Amino acid sequence: MPTVKEKVSEIVQAQPADSSFDEILHELAFTRMIEWGLEDTRQGRAIPNEEMQQRMDSWRK
């Protein structure tokens, strides 16, 4: 399993040569959010889309 430093390096190296600092930071943050979401799903901390839709609909009332 790659270390965090290796993962970050892979993400940075995969970016186009003319990427801005902000674009690279955005990609790193996006990747981290995906990892968090996948871990939440594995740990059972996610809810089905239908349930989320019902919750959102109730907020509008």
Protein backbone atom coordinates (compact mmCIF):
# COMPACT_ATOMS: atom_id res chain seq x y z
CA MET A 1 0.00 0.00 0.00
CA PRO A 2 1.49 3.33 -1.00
CA THR A 3 2.30 5.92 1.64
CA VAL A 4 0.49 9.25 1.77
CA LYS A 5 3.58 10.93 0.36
CA GLU A 6 3.62 8.50 -2.56
CA LYS A 7 -0.09 9.05 -3.25
CA VAL A 8 0.35 12.82 -3.23
CA SER A 9 3.34 12.53 -5.55
CA GLU A 10 1.33 10.37 -7.98
CA ILE A 11 -1.51 12.90 -8.05
CA VAL A 12 0.85 15.81 -8.61
CA GLN A 13 2.76 13.98 -11.34
CA ALA A 14 -0.49 13.12 -13.13
CA GLN A 15 -1.38 16.82 -13.52
CA PRO A 16 -0.58 18.72 -16.72
CA ALA A 17 2.73 20.59 -16.67
CA ASP A 18 0.95 23.95 -16.81
CA SER A 19 -1.31 23.27 -13.80
CA SER A 20 -1.58 26.07 -11.31
CA PHE A 21 -0.94 25.67 -7.61
CA ASP A 22 -4.68 26.04 -6.98
CA GLU A 23 -5.57 23.37 -9.57
CA ILE A 24 -3.20 20.91 -7.93
CA LEU A 25 -4.56 21.69 -4.47
CA HIS A 26 -8.09 21.23 -5.79
CA GLU A 27 -7.21 17.81 -7.19
CA LEU A 28 -5.59 16.75 -3.91
CA ALA A 29 -8.63 17.90 -1.93
CA PHE A 30 -11.03 16.20 -4.34
CA THR A 31 -9.12 12.92 -4.07
CA ARG A 32 -9.18 13.14 -0.27
CA MET A 33 -12.93 13.78 -0.23
CA ILE A 34 -13.47 10.70 -2.40
CA GLU A 35 -11.35 8.63 0.00
CA TRP A 36 -13.39 9.91 2.96
CA GLY A 37 -16.64 9.05 1.20
CA LEU A 38 -15.49 5.55 0.36
CA GLU A 39 -14.37 4.98 3.94
CA ASP A 40 -17.70 6.26 5.27
CA THR A 41 -19.48 3.80 2.96
CA ARG A 42 -17.29 0.91 4.14
CA GLN A 43 -18.01 1.83 7.76
CA GLY A 44 -21.77 2.03 7.19
CA ARG A 45 -21.93 5.80 7.67
CA ALA A 46 -23.74 6.47 4.40
CA ILE A 47 -27.43 6.61 3.60
CA PRO A 48 -29.24 5.68 0.38
CA ASN A 49 -30.01 8.45 -2.11
CA GLU A 50 -33.75 7.93 -1.63
CA GLU A 51 -33.49 8.58 2.10
CA MET A 52 -31.41 11.70 1.49
CA GLN A 53 -33.99 12.93 -1.01
CA GLN A 54 -36.75 12.45 1.57
CA ARG A 55 -34.74 14.39 4.16
CA MET A 56 -34.11 17.23 1.72
CA ASP A 57 -37.77 17.34 0.73
CA SER A 58 -38.75 17.64 4.40
CA TRP A 59 -36.48 20.70 4.77
CA ARG A 60 -38.47 22.54 2.12
CA LYS A 61 -41.71 22.31 4.12
